[in-house]
PDB file of N, CA and C in Angstrom:
ATOM      1  N   MET A   1      22.900  11.681   0.817  1.00  0.00           N
ATOM      2  CA  MET A   1      21.856  11.499  -0.468  1.00  0.00           C
ATOM      3  C   MET A   1      21.016  12.314  -0.408  1.00  0.00           C
ATOM      4  N   GLY A   2      20.842  13.235  -1.832  1.00  0.00           N
ATOM      5  CA  GLY A   2      20.273  14.187  -1.687  1.00  0.00           C
ATOM      6  C   GLY A   2      18.599  14.451  -1.522  1.00  0.00           C
ATOM      7  N   ARG A   3      17.482  15.342  -1.034  1.00  0.00           N
ATOM      8  CA  ARG A   3      16.793  15.279  -0.885  1.00  0.00           C
ATOM      9  C   ARG A   3      15.112  14.848  -2.009  1.00  0.00           C
ATOM     10  N   GLY A   4      16.038  15.114  -2.973  1.00  0.00           N
ATOM     11  CA  GLY A   4      15.011  14.437  -4.230  1.00  0.00           C
ATOM     12  C   GLY A   4      15.213  12.982  -4.384  1.00  0.00           C
ATOM     13  N   ARG A   5      16.330  12.861  -3.866  1.00  0.00           N
ATOM     14  CA  ARG A   5      16.561  10.871  -4.356  1.00  0.00           C
ATOM     15  C   ARG A   5      15.685  10.439  -3.139  1.00  0.00           C
ATOM     16  N   GLY A   6      15.926  10.686  -1.864  1.00  0.00           N
ATOM     17  CA  GLY A   6      14.889  10.101  -0.712  1.00  0.00           C
ATOM     18  C   GLY A   6      13.601  10.500  -1.333  1.00  0.00           C
ATOM     19  N   ARG A   7      13.045  11.178  -1.825  1.00  0.00           N
ATOM     20  CA  ARG A   7      11.265  10.999  -2.377  1.00  0.00           C
ATOM     21  C   ARG A   7      11.263  10.539  -3.377  1.00  0.00           C
ATOM     22  N   ILE A   8      12.237  10.321  -4.209  1.00  0.00           N
ATOM     23  CA  ILE A   8      11.837   9.617  -5.497  1.00  0.00           C
ATOM     24  C   ILE A   8      11.632   7.851  -4.910  1.00  0.00           C
ATOM     25  N   SER A   9      13.202   7.636  -3.942  1.00  0.00           N
ATOM     26  CA  SER A   9      12.963   6.189  -3.431  1.00  0.00           C
ATOM     27  C   SER A   9      11.761   6.307  -2.721  1.00  0.00           C
ATOM     28  N   GLY A  10      11.425   7.106  -1.800  1.00  0.00           N
ATOM     29  CA  GLY A  10       9.947   6.548  -0.982  1.00  0.00           C
ATOM     30  C   GLY A  10       8.800   6.625  -2.222  1.00  0.00           C
ATOM     31  N   VAL A  11       8.809   6.944  -3.250  1.00  0.00           N
ATOM     32  CA  VAL A  11       7.825   6.502  -3.936  1.00  0.00           C
ATOM     33  C   VAL A  11       7.620   5.802  -4.764  1.00  0.00           C
ATOM     34  N   ALA A  12       9.164   5.242  -5.166  1.00  0.00           N
ATOM     35  CA  ALA A  12       9.412   4.208  -5.595  1.00  0.00           C
ATOM     36  C   ALA A  12       8.987   2.929  -5.189  1.00  0.00           C
ATOM     37  N   GLY A  13       9.021   3.490  -3.682  1.00  0.00           N
ATOM     38  CA  GLY A  13       9.091   2.025  -2.730  1.00  0.00           C
ATOM     39  C   GLY A  13       7.342   1.793  -2.514  1.00  0.00           C
ATOM     40  N   LEU A  14       6.503   2.629  -3.438  1.00  0.00           N
ATOM     41  CA  LEU A  14       4.686   2.352  -2.835  1.00  0.00           C
ATOM     42  C   LEU A  14       4.875   1.890  -4.449  1.00  0.00           C
ATOM     43  N   GLY A  15       5.411   1.453  -5.754  1.00  0.00           N
ATOM     44  CA  GLY A  15       5.572   0.731  -6.291  1.00  0.00           C
ATOM     45  C   GLY A  15       5.755  -0.756  -6.011  1.00  0.00           C
ATOM     46  N   GLY A  16       6.706  -0.890  -5.296  1.00  0.00           N
ATOM     47  CA  GLY A  16       6.713  -2.100  -4.963  1.00  0.00           C
ATOM     48  C   GLY A  16       5.998  -2.479  -4.156  1.00  0.00           C
ATOM     49  N   VAL A  17       5.162  -1.883  -3.152  1.00  0.00           N
ATOM     50  CA  VAL A  17       4.646  -2.506  -1.917  1.00  0.00           C
ATOM     51  C   VAL A  17       2.842  -2.619  -3.146  1.00  0.00           C
ATOM     52  N   ARG A  18       2.522  -1.844  -3.941  1.00  0.00           N
ATOM     53  CA  ARG A  18       1.786  -2.021  -4.807  1.00  0.00           C
ATOM     54  C   ARG A  18       1.536  -3.367  -5.555  1.00  0.00           C
ATOM     55  N   ALA A  19       2.550  -4.170  -5.874  1.00  0.00           N
ATOM     56  CA  ALA A  19       3.564  -5.079  -7.002  1.00  0.00           C
ATOM     57  C   ALA A  19       2.908  -6.301  -5.606  1.00  0.00           C
ATOM     58  N   ALA A  20       3.735  -6.248  -4.603  1.00  0.00           N
ATOM     59  CA  ALA A  20       4.078  -7.227  -3.983  1.00  0.00           C
ATOM     60  C   ALA A  20       3.354  -8.704  -3.852  1.00  0.00           C
ATOM     61  N   PRO A  21       1.931  -7.969  -3.637  1.00  0.00           N
ATOM     62  CA  PRO A  21       1.070  -9.578  -3.659  1.00  0.00           C
ATOM     63  C   PRO A  21       0.944 -10.217  -4.442  1.00  0.00           C
ATOM     64  N   ALA A  22       1.446  -9.994  -5.902  1.00  0.00           N
ATOM     65  CA  ALA A  22       1.343 -10.740  -6.961  1.00  0.00           C
ATOM     66  C   ALA A  22       2.737 -11.893  -6.473  1.00  0.00           C
ATOM     67  N   VAL A  23       3.559 -11.321  -6.123  1.00  0.00           N
ATOM     68  CA  VAL A  23       4.868 -11.724  -5.273  1.00  0.00           C
ATOM     69  C   VAL A  23       4.989 -12.555  -4.298  1.00  0.00           C
ATOM     70  N   LEU A  24       3.827 -12.689  -3.830  1.00  0.00           N
ATOM     71  CA  LEU A  24       3.552 -12.917  -2.195  1.00  0.00           C
ATOM     72  C   LEU A  24       2.755 -14.502  -2.108  1.00  0.00           C
ATOM     73  N   ILE A  25       1.742 -14.062  -2.978  1.00  0.00           N
ATOM     74  CA  ILE A  25       0.678 -15.229  -3.164  1.00  0.00           C
ATOM     75  C   ILE A  25       0.967 -16.468  -2.407  1.00  0.00           C
ATOM     76  N   ASN A  26       1.635 -16.892  -3.431  1.00  0.00           N
ATOM     77  CA  ASN A  26       2.106 -18.105  -2.733  1.00  0.00           C
ATOM     78  C   ASN A  26       3.020 -18.203  -1.697  1.00  0.00           C
ATOM     79  N   PRO A  27       4.009 -17.629  -0.665  1.00  0.00           N
ATOM     80  CA  PRO A  27       4.100 -17.952   0.225  1.00  0.00           C
ATOM     81  C   PRO A  27       2.979 -17.745   1.536  1.00  0.00           C
ATOM     82  N   LEU A  28       2.105 -16.463   1.071  1.00  0.00           N
ATOM     83  CA  LEU A  28       0.866 -16.643   1.926  1.00  0.00           C
ATOM     84  C   LEU A  28       0.070 -17.628   1.898  1.00  0.00           C
ATOM     85  N   GLU A  29      -0.626 -18.192   1.016  1.00  0.00           N
ATOM     86  CA  GLU A  29      -0.641 -19.670   0.998  1.00  0.00           C
ATOM     87  C   GLU A  29      -0.021 -20.833   2.123  1.00  0.00           C
ATOM     88  N   ASP A  30       1.207 -20.829   1.608  1.00  0.00           N
ATOM     89  CA  ASP A  30       2.106 -21.956   2.599  1.00  0.00           C
ATOM     90  C   ASP A  30       1.818 -21.141   3.926  1.00  0.00           C
ATOM     91  N   GLU A  31       2.528 -20.146   4.163  1.00  0.00           N
ATOM     92  CA  GLU A  31       2.640 -19.841   5.918  1.00  0.00           C
ATOM     93  C   GLU A  31       1.242 -19.862   6.455  1.00  0.00           C
ATOM     94  N   LEU A  32       0.365 -18.926   5.573  1.00  0.00           N
ATOM     95  CA  LEU A  32      -1.316 -18.821   6.452  1.00  0.00           C
ATOM     96  C   LEU A  32      -2.309 -19.515   6.465  1.00  0.00           C
ATOM     97  N   GLY A  33      -1.843 -20.631   5.241  1.00  0.00           N
ATOM     98  CA  GLY A  33      -2.885 -21.631   5.199  1.00  0.00           C
ATOM     99  C   GLY A  33      -4.263 -20.850   4.281  1.00  0.00           C
ATOM    100  N   TRP A  34      -4.184 -19.555   4.066  1.00  0.00           N
ATOM    101  CA  TRP A  34      -5.276 -18.922   3.173  1.00  0.00           C
ATOM    102  C   TRP A  34      -5.383 -19.294   1.260  1.00  0.00           C
ATOM    103  N   GLY A  35      -6.766 -19.123   0.793  1.00  0.00           N
ATOM    104  CA  GLY A  35      -6.306 -19.611  -0.110  1.00  0.00           C
ATOM    105  C   GLY A  35      -6.302 -18.263  -1.249  1.00  0.00           C
ATOM    106  N   ARG A  36      -6.383 -18.890  -2.596  1.00  0.00           N
ATOM    107  CA  ARG A  36      -5.884 -17.272  -2.905  1.00  0.00           C
ATOM    108  C   ARG A  36      -6.877 -16.499  -3.254  1.00  0.00           C
ATOM    109  N   ALA A  37      -8.328 -17.109  -3.266  1.00  0.00           N
ATOM    110  CA  ALA A  37      -9.361 -16.388  -3.110  1.00  0.00           C
ATOM    111  C   ALA A  37      -9.703 -15.197  -2.576  1.00  0.00           C
ATOM    112  N   THR A  38      -9.134 -15.858  -1.128  1.00  0.00           N
ATOM    113  CA  THR A  38      -8.766 -14.785  -0.151  1.00  0.00           C
ATOM    114  C   THR A  38      -8.508 -13.599   0.339  1.00  0.00           C
ATOM    115  N   ILE A  39      -7.163 -14.170  -0.566  1.00  0.00           N
ATOM    116  CA  ILE A  39      -5.882 -13.228  -1.107  1.00  0.00           C
ATOM    117  C   ILE A  39      -6.020 -12.341  -1.520  1.00  0.00           C
ATOM    118  N   SER A  40      -6.721 -12.585  -3.243  1.00  0.00           N
ATOM    119  CA  SER A  40      -7.244 -11.904  -4.399  1.00  0.00           C
ATOM    120  C   SER A  40      -7.953 -11.154  -3.787  1.00  0.00           C
ATOM    121  N   PHE A  41      -9.133 -11.511  -3.057  1.00  0.00           N
ATOM    122  CA  PHE A  41     -10.478 -10.001  -2.586  1.00  0.00           C
ATOM    123  C   PHE A  41      -9.714  -9.493  -1.633  1.00  0.00           C
ATOM    124  N   ALA A  42      -8.693  -9.708  -0.775  1.00  0.00           N
ATOM    125  CA  ALA A  42      -7.998  -8.561  -0.030  1.00  0.00           C
ATOM    126  C   ALA A  42      -7.418  -7.451  -1.014  1.00  0.00           C
ATOM    127  N   VAL A  43      -6.283  -8.330  -1.743  1.00  0.00           N
ATOM    128  CA  VAL A  43      -5.595  -7.570  -2.626  1.00  0.00           C
ATOM    129  C   VAL A  43      -6.911  -6.205  -3.465  1.00  0.00           C
ATOM    130  N   SER A  44      -7.515  -6.621  -4.235  1.00  0.00           N
ATOM    131  CA  SER A  44      -8.852  -5.950  -4.947  1.00  0.00           C
ATOM    132  C   SER A  44      -9.360  -5.320  -4.344  1.00  0.00           C
ATOM    133  N   VAL A  45      -9.779  -5.405  -3.102  1.00  0.00           N
ATOM    134  CA  VAL A  45     -10.172  -4.361  -2.071  1.00  0.00           C
ATOM    135  C   VAL A  45      -9.127  -3.278  -1.696  1.00  0.00           C
ATOM    136  N   GLY A  46      -8.286  -3.643  -1.516  1.00  0.00           N
ATOM    137  CA  GLY A  46      -7.193  -2.625  -1.526  1.00  0.00           C
ATOM    138  C   GLY A  46      -7.148  -1.504  -2.999  1.00  0.00           C
ATOM    139  N   LEU A  47      -6.659  -2.473  -3.434  1.00  0.00           N
ATOM    140  CA  LEU A  47      -6.545  -1.941  -4.792  1.00  0.00           C
ATOM    141  C   LEU A  47      -8.002  -0.617  -5.342  1.00  0.00           C
ATOM    142  N   LEU A  48      -8.826  -1.477  -4.975  1.00  0.00           N
ATOM    143  CA  LEU A  48     -10.506  -0.231  -5.228  1.00  0.00           C
ATOM    144  C   LEU A  48      -9.853   0.866  -4.487  1.00  0.00           C
ATOM    145  N   ILE A  49      -9.628   0.561  -2.779  1.00  0.00           N
ATOM    146  CA  ILE A  49      -9.583   1.804  -2.335  1.00  0.00           C
ATOM    147  C   ILE A  49      -8.637   2.967  -2.646  1.00  0.00           C
ATOM    148  N   TYR A  50      -7.531   2.098  -3.404  1.00  0.00           N
ATOM    149  CA  TYR A  50      -6.444   3.024  -3.927  1.00  0.00           C
ATOM    150  C   TYR A  50      -6.730   3.725  -5.071  1.00  0.00           C
ATOM    151  N   GLY A  51      -7.762   2.983  -5.892  1.00  0.00           N
ATOM    152  CA  GLY A  51      -8.206   3.863  -7.081  1.00  0.00           C
ATOM    153  C   GLY A  51      -9.559   4.766  -6.906  1.00  0.00           C
ATOM    154  N   LEU A  52     -10.575   4.923  -5.991  1.00  0.00           N
ATOM    155  CA  LEU A  52     -11.168   5.492  -5.505  1.00  0.00           C
ATOM    156  C   LEU A  52     -10.266   6.917  -4.835  1.00  0.00           C
ATOM    157  N   SER A  53      -9.211   7.247  -3.839  1.00  0.00           N
ATOM    158  CA  SER A  53      -8.490   8.156  -3.364  1.00  0.00           C
ATOM    159  C   SER A  53      -7.819   8.562  -4.331  1.00  0.00           C
ATOM    160  N   GLY A  54      -7.750   8.698  -5.122  1.00  0.00           N
ATOM    161  CA  GLY A  54      -7.509   9.350  -6.261  1.00  0.00           C
ATOM    162  C   GLY A  54      -7.649  10.955  -6.465  1.00  0.00           C
ATOM    163  N   PRO A  55      -9.261  11.547  -6.725  1.00  0.00           N
ATOM    164  CA  PRO A  55      -9.814  12.024  -6.434  1.00  0.00           C
ATOM    165  C   PRO A  55      -9.751  13.104  -5.444  1.00  0.00           C
ATOM    166  N   ALA A  56      -9.617  12.189  -4.385  1.00  0.00           N
ATOM    167  CA  ALA A  56      -9.396  13.169  -2.840  1.00  0.00           C
ATOM    168  C   ALA A  56      -8.174  13.552  -2.856  1.00  0.00           C
ATOM    169  N   ALA A  57      -7.091  12.393  -3.099  1.00  0.00           N
ATOM    170  CA  ALA A  57      -5.991  12.642  -2.977  1.00  0.00           C
ATOM    171  C   ALA A  57      -5.597  14.452  -3.815  1.00  0.00           C
ATOM    172  N   GLY A  58      -5.507  14.274  -5.523  1.00  0.00           N
ATOM    173  CA  GLY A  58      -6.056  15.306  -6.023  1.00  0.00           C
ATOM    174  C   GLY A  58      -6.236  16.539  -5.160  1.00  0.00           C
ATOM    175  N   TRP A  59      -7.509  16.119  -4.798  1.00  0.00           N
ATOM    176  CA  TRP A  59      -8.417  18.064  -4.418  1.00  0.00           C
ATOM    177  C   TRP A  59      -7.176  18.225  -3.284  1.00  0.00           C
ATOM    178  N   LEU A  60      -6.675  17.286  -2.359  1.00  0.00           N
ATOM    179  CA  LEU A  60      -5.489  17.915  -1.036  1.00  0.00           C
ATOM    180  C   LEU A  60      -4.636  18.433  -1.664  1.00  0.00           C
ATOM    181  N   MET A  61      -3.701  18.040  -2.361  1.00  0.00           N
ATOM    182  CA  MET A  61      -2.939  18.471  -2.721  1.00  0.00           C
ATOM    183  C   MET A  61      -3.091  19.804  -3.843  1.00  0.00           C
ATOM    184  N   ASN A  62      -4.234  20.056  -4.276  1.00  0.00           N
ATOM    185  CA  ASN A  62      -4.239  21.339  -4.878  1.00  0.00           C
ATOM    186  C   ASN A  62      -4.551  22.184  -3.399  1.00  0.00           C
ATOM    187  N   ARG A  63      -5.197  22.147  -2.558  1.00  0.00           N
ATOM    188  CA  ARG A  63      -4.942  22.481  -1.197  1.00  0.00           C
ATOM    189  C   ARG A  63      -3.954  22.450  -0.477  1.00  0.00           C
ATOM    190  N   LEU A  64      -3.378  22.027   0.075  1.00  0.00           N
ATOM    191  CA  LEU A  64      -2.048  21.362   1.152  1.00  0.00           C
ATOM    192  C   LEU A  64      -0.421  21.351   0.353  1.00  0.00           C
ATOM    193  N   GLY A  65      -0.950  21.312  -0.720  1.00  0.00           N
ATOM    194  CA  GLY A  65       0.528  21.352  -1.733  1.00  0.00           C
ATOM    195  C   GLY A  65       0.654  19.654  -1.764  1.00  0.00           C
ATOM    196  N   PRO A  66       1.323  19.219  -2.747  1.00  0.00           N
ATOM    197  CA  PRO A  66       2.130  17.748  -3.005  1.00  0.00           C
ATOM    198  C   PRO A  66       2.907  17.356  -1.675  1.00  0.00           C
ATOM    199  N   LYS A  67       3.654  18.338  -1.391  1.00  0.00           N
ATOM    200  CA  LYS A  67       4.446  17.719  -0.339  1.00  0.00           C
ATOM    201  C   LYS A  67       3.951  17.168   0.984  1.00  0.00           C
ATOM    202  N   LYS A  68       2.967  17.650   1.729  1.00  0.00           N
ATOM    203  CA  LYS A  68       2.419  17.182   2.691  1.00  0.00           C
ATOM    204  C   LYS A  68       1.628  16.176   2.419  1.00  0.00           C
ATOM    205  N   VAL A  69       0.814  16.146   1.164  1.00  0.00           N
ATOM    206  CA  VAL A  69      -0.043  14.834   1.140  1.00  0.00           C
ATOM    207  C   VAL A  69       0.604  13.266   0.814  1.00  0.00           C
ATOM    208  N   THR A  70       1.795  13.635  -0.141  1.00  0.00           N
ATOM    209  CA  THR A  70       2.852  12.984  -0.354  1.00  0.00           C
ATOM    210  C   THR A  70       3.340  12.109   0.865  1.00  0.00           C
ATOM    211  N   LEU A  71       3.480  12.784   2.030  1.00  0.00           N
ATOM    212  CA  LEU A  71       4.277  12.394   3.358  1.00  0.00           C
ATOM    213  C   LEU A  71       3.185  11.636   3.946  1.00  0.00           C
ATOM    214  N   ALA A  72       2.068  12.373   3.617  1.00  0.00           N
ATOM    215  CA  ALA A  72       0.917  11.450   4.169  1.00  0.00           C
ATOM    216  C   ALA A  72       0.332  10.293   4.166  1.00  0.00           C
ATOM    217  N   GLY A  73       0.242  10.587   2.662  1.00  0.00           N
ATOM    218  CA  GLY A  73      -0.125   9.338   2.510  1.00  0.00           C
ATOM    219  C   GLY A  73       1.605   7.880   2.140  1.00  0.00           C
ATOM    220  N   LEU A  74       2.467   8.081   2.823  1.00  0.00           N
ATOM    221  CA  LEU A  74       3.657   7.555   2.617  1.00  0.00           C
ATOM    222  C   LEU A  74       3.775   6.461   4.173  1.00  0.00           C
ATOM    223  N   ALA A  75       2.918   7.914   4.949  1.00  0.00           N
ATOM    224  CA  ALA A  75       3.178   7.159   6.131  1.00  0.00           C
ATOM    225  C   ALA A  75       1.755   6.326   6.441  1.00  0.00           C
ATOM    226  N   LEU A  76       0.854   6.471   5.682  1.00  0.00           N
ATOM    227  CA  LEU A  76      -0.429   5.542   6.008  1.00  0.00           C
ATOM    228  C   LEU A  76      -0.065   4.218   4.880  1.00  0.00           C
ATOM    229  N   ILE A  77       0.598   4.171   4.009  1.00  0.00           N
ATOM    230  CA  ILE A  77       0.946   2.951   3.178  1.00  0.00           C
ATOM    231  C   ILE A  77       2.280   2.653   4.324  1.00  0.00           C
ATOM    232  N   GLY A  78       2.714   2.773   5.030  1.00  0.00           N
ATOM    233  CA  GLY A  78       3.800   2.292   5.754  1.00  0.00           C
ATOM    234  C   GLY A  78       3.107   1.395   6.935  1.00  0.00           C
ATOM    235  N   GLY A  79       2.473   2.138   7.894  1.00  0.00           N
ATOM    236  CA  GLY A  79       1.285   1.941   8.595  1.00  0.00           C
ATOM    237  C   GLY A  79       0.717   0.611   8.346  1.00  0.00           C
ATOM    238  N   SER A  80      -0.292   0.963   7.035  1.00  0.00           N
ATOM    239  CA  SER A  80      -0.522  -0.232   6.835  1.00  0.00           C
ATOM    240  C   SER A  80      -0.108  -1.369   6.002  1.00  0.00           C
ATOM    241  N   THR A  81       0.843  -1.317   5.595  1.00  0.00           N
ATOM    242  CA  THR A  81       2.086  -2.593   5.469  1.00  0.00           C
ATOM    243  C   THR A  81       2.490  -2.896   6.843  1.00  0.00           C
ATOM    244  N   LEU A  82       2.409  -2.379   7.625  1.00  0.00           N
ATOM    245  CA  LEU A  82       2.968  -2.903   9.048  1.00  0.00           C
ATOM    246  C   LEU A  82       2.316  -3.873   9.388  1.00  0.00           C
ATOM    247  N   ALA A  83       0.815  -2.990   9.791  1.00  0.00           N
ATOM    248  CA  ALA A  83      -0.666  -3.864  10.039  1.00  0.00           C
ATOM    249  C   ALA A  83      -0.904  -5.023   9.709  1.00  0.00           C
ATOM    250  N   GLY A  84      -0.415  -4.789   8.079  1.00  0.00           N
ATOM    251  CA  GLY A  84      -1.073  -6.343   7.138  1.00  0.00           C
ATOM    252  C   GLY A  84       0.014  -7.763   7.911  1.00  0.00           C
ATOM    253  N   ALA A  85       1.223  -6.581   7.642  1.00  0.00           N
ATOM    254  CA  ALA A  85       2.218  -7.797   8.398  1.00  0.00           C
ATOM    255  C   ALA A  85       1.954  -8.692   9.874  1.00  0.00           C
ATOM    256  N   ALA A  86       1.281  -7.670  10.742  1.00  0.00           N
ATOM    257  CA  ALA A  86       1.244  -8.592  12.313  1.00  0.00           C
ATOM    258  C   ALA A  86       0.170  -9.027  11.893  1.00  0.00           C
ATOM    259  N   MET A  87      -1.175  -9.178  10.910  1.00  0.00           N
ATOM    260  CA  MET A  87      -1.815 -10.452  10.968  1.00  0.00           C
ATOM    261  C   MET A  87      -1.616 -11.944  10.872  1.00  0.00           C
ATOM    262  N   THR A  88      -2.475 -12.106  11.611  1.00  0.00           N
ATOM    263  CA  THR A  88      -2.292 -13.970  10.854  1.00  0.00           C
ATOM    264  C   THR A  88      -3.479 -14.749  10.987  1.00  0.00           C
ATOM    265  N   GLU A  89      -4.735 -14.338  11.101  1.00  0.00           N
ATOM    266  CA  GLU A  89      -5.843 -14.694  10.419  1.00  0.00           C
ATOM    267  C   GLU A  89      -6.653 -14.350   9.535  1.00  0.00           C
ATOM    268  N   TYR A  90      -7.172 -14.054   9.100  1.00  0.00           N
ATOM    269  CA  TYR A  90      -8.181 -13.581   7.694  1.00  0.00           C
ATOM    270  C   TYR A  90      -9.687 -12.716   8.699  1.00  0.00           C
ATOM    271  N   GLY A  91      -9.329 -11.573   8.670  1.00  0.00           N
ATOM    272  CA  GLY A  91     -10.384 -10.533   9.261  1.00  0.00           C
ATOM    273  C   GLY A  91      -9.816 -10.483  10.549  1.00  0.00           C
ATOM    274  N   SER A  92      -8.403 -10.455  10.315  1.00  0.00           N
ATOM    275  CA  SER A  92      -8.042  -9.802  12.456  1.00  0.00           C
ATOM    276  C   SER A  92      -7.716  -8.462  12.306  1.00  0.00           C
TER     277      SER A  92
END
């Protein structure tokens, strides 16, 4: 796999992470017993933070370059996805 394809795969995976809650609402309700309002609130907070981080990410890209910022963002999203997968209680 070429270097460009790996980057495209990583960035495309972010779209899947952002869209996953829509597909996972019913399994999260069934498995964890959380209500839709709780799940939707968590997703909404995540989207708000995602949107508000855009200007900071743009500024950092101008200062540090897009490669470093993209890799840091991928690592942050990967880590938060793993942490979210380990949650068993709301607010834990």
